[in-house]
C-alpha atoms as a PDB file:
ATOM      1  CA  MET A   1     -17.669  37.088  -5.384  1.00  0.00           C
ATOM      2  CA  GLU A   2     -18.896  36.071  -1.980  1.00  0.00           C
ATOM      3  CA  ASN A   3     -20.297  32.811  -3.236  1.00  0.00           C
ATOM      4  CA  THR A   4     -16.955  32.066  -5.009  1.00  0.00           C
ATOM      5  CA  GLU A   5     -15.188  32.628  -1.685  1.00  0.00           C
ATOM      6  CA  LYS A   6     -17.491  30.299   0.245  1.00  0.00           C
ATOM      7  CA  PHE A   7     -17.068  27.776  -2.525  1.00  0.00           C
ATOM      8  CA  LEU A   8     -13.347  27.761  -2.423  1.00  0.00           C
ATOM      9  CA  ASP A   9     -13.288  27.735   1.443  1.00  0.00           C
ATOM     10  CA  TRP A  10     -15.701  24.854   1.308  1.00  0.00           C
ATOM     11  CA  LEU A  11     -13.172  23.039  -0.962  1.00  0.00           C
ATOM     12  CA  VAL A  12     -10.228  23.740   1.201  1.00  0.00           C
ATOM     13  CA  GLY A  13     -12.153  22.653   4.275  1.00  0.00           C
ATOM     14  CA  LEU A  14     -12.953  19.333   2.667  1.00  0.00           C
ATOM     15  CA  ASP A  15      -9.124  18.929   1.947  1.00  0.00           C
ATOM     16  CA  ILE A  16     -10.138  18.054  -1.482  1.00  0.00           C
ATOM     17  CA  ALA A  17      -7.675  16.744  -3.983  1.00  0.00           C
ATOM     18  CA  HIS A  18      -7.741  17.284  -7.669  1.00  0.00           C
ATOM     19  CA  TYR A  19      -5.869  16.513 -10.834  1.00  0.00           C
ATOM     20  CA  GLN A  20      -5.604  17.705 -14.413  1.00  0.00           C
ATOM     21  CA  THR A  21      -7.039  15.128 -16.671  1.00  0.00           C
ATOM     22  CA  THR A  22      -5.237  13.873 -20.013  1.00  0.00           C
ATOM     23  CA  THR A  23      -6.979  12.193 -22.986  1.00  0.00           C
ATOM     24  CA  GLU A  24      -5.566   8.623 -23.430  1.00  0.00           C
ATOM     25  CA  VAL A  25      -6.073   6.285 -26.147  1.00  0.00           C
ATOM     26  CA  ASP A  26      -8.839   4.249 -24.221  1.00  0.00           C
ATOM     27  CA  TYR A  27     -10.014   7.358 -22.147  1.00  0.00           C
ATOM     28  CA  THR A  28     -11.595  10.775 -23.028  1.00  0.00           C
ATOM     29  CA  PRO A  29     -12.082  12.623 -19.623  1.00  0.00           C
ATOM     30  CA  SER A  30     -15.288  14.392 -18.895  1.00  0.00           C
ATOM     31  CA  GLY A  31     -13.580  17.631 -17.883  1.00  0.00           C
ATOM     32  CA  LYS A  32     -10.327  19.283 -17.753  1.00  0.00           C
ATOM     33  CA  SER A  33      -9.776  18.363 -14.200  1.00  0.00           C
ATOM     34  CA  HIS A  34     -11.383  16.140 -11.487  1.00  0.00           C
ATOM     35  CA  PHE A  35     -11.806  16.640  -7.903  1.00  0.00           C
ATOM     36  CA  TYR A  36     -12.100  13.838  -5.294  1.00  0.00           C
ATOM     37  CA  LEU A  37     -12.159  13.209  -1.507  1.00  0.00           C
ATOM     38  CA  LYS A  38      -9.156  11.433  -0.254  1.00  0.00           C
ATOM     39  CA  GLY A  39      -9.703   7.666   0.040  1.00  0.00           C
ATOM     40  CA  SER A  40     -12.595   7.748  -2.550  1.00  0.00           C
ATOM     41  CA  GLN A  41     -12.567   6.307  -6.016  1.00  0.00           C
ATOM     42  CA  GLU A  42     -15.418   8.692  -6.994  1.00  0.00           C
ATOM     43  CA  ARG A  43     -14.332  11.687  -9.313  1.00  0.00           C
ATOM     44  CA  PHE A  44     -16.071  14.950 -10.082  1.00  0.00           C
ATOM     45  CA  THR A  45     -15.689  17.591 -12.628  1.00  0.00           C
ATOM     46  CA  SER A  46     -15.500  21.342 -11.689  1.00  0.00           C
ATOM     47  CA  LYS A  47     -19.215  21.578 -12.812  1.00  0.00           C
ATOM     48  CA  GLU A  48     -20.353  18.887 -10.598  1.00  0.00           C
ATOM     49  CA  MET A  49     -18.459  20.236  -7.592  1.00  0.00           C
ATOM     50  CA  MET A  50     -20.141  23.468  -7.948  1.00  0.00           C
ATOM     51  CA  GLU A  51     -23.541  21.732  -8.483  1.00  0.00           C
ATOM     52  CA  ILE A  52     -22.955  19.774  -5.089  1.00  0.00           C
ATOM     53  CA  PHE A  53     -22.074  23.000  -3.291  1.00  0.00           C
ATOM     54  CA  ASN A  54     -25.141  24.777  -4.637  1.00  0.00           C
ATOM     55  CA  ASN A  55     -27.375  21.689  -3.899  1.00  0.00           C
ATOM     56  CA  SER A  56     -28.408  21.609  -7.541  1.00  0.00           C
ATOM     57  CA  ALA A  57     -26.675  18.115  -8.523  1.00  0.00           C
ATOM     58  CA  ASN A  58     -28.592  15.577 -10.194  1.00  0.00           C
ATOM     59  CA  ASN A  59     -29.528  12.228  -8.399  1.00  0.00           C
ATOM     60  CA  LYS A  60     -26.586  10.269  -9.760  1.00  0.00           C
ATOM     61  CA  THR A  61     -23.965  12.902  -8.721  1.00  0.00           C
ATOM     62  CA  ASN A  62     -25.671  13.204  -5.371  1.00  0.00           C
ATOM     63  CA  GLU A  63     -25.503   9.395  -4.957  1.00  0.00           C
ATOM     64  CA  ASN A  64     -21.794   9.297  -5.894  1.00  0.00           C
ATOM     65  CA  TRP A  65     -21.074  12.227  -3.620  1.00  0.00           C
ATOM     66  CA  GLN A  66     -22.661  10.141  -0.686  1.00  0.00           C
ATOM     67  CA  TYR A  67     -20.287   7.291  -1.791  1.00  0.00           C
ATOM     68  CA  ALA A  68     -17.418   9.700  -1.633  1.00  0.00           C
ATOM     69  CA  ILE A  69     -18.220  10.901   1.867  1.00  0.00           C
ATOM     70  CA  THR A  70     -18.584   7.424   3.243  1.00  0.00           C
ATOM     71  CA  GLU A  71     -15.189   6.282   1.596  1.00  0.00           C
ATOM     72  CA  ASN A  72     -13.403   9.570   2.792  1.00  0.00           C
ATOM     73  CA  ILE A  73     -14.745   8.839   6.439  1.00  0.00           C
ATOM     74  CA  ASN A  74     -13.391   5.360   6.293  1.00  0.00           C
ATOM     75  CA  TRP A  75     -10.157   6.528   4.951  1.00  0.00           C
ATOM     76  CA  GLN A  76      -9.788   9.064   7.692  1.00  0.00           C
ATOM     77  CA  LYS A  77     -10.449   6.580  10.453  1.00  0.00           C
ATOM     78  CA  ARG A  78      -7.624   4.240   8.904  1.00  0.00           C
ATOM     79  CA  HIS A  79      -5.383   7.166   8.912  1.00  0.00           C
ATOM     80  CA  GLY A  80      -6.047   8.403  12.459  1.00  0.00           C
ATOM     81  CA  LYS A  81      -7.729  11.622  11.194  1.00  0.00           C
ATOM     82  CA  PHE A  82     -10.712  10.950  13.456  1.00  0.00           C
END
């Protein structure tokens, strides 16, 4: 339970955005929902977010997370958040 609370607090602290995915004619989502940092094009499933939080994500997910952080920082600068 404590780890769940830390995970949820971490998501809130990041001001993470999310949306429910839908299957389209040309798109089959990899999860029921996706999470993203504002200003970033990188999208992460619930499983990937938990892996990032637990430092157990694979190299590709970690690389995408680093891109997301960089894009989010740039977005925050453009919107006066820094």
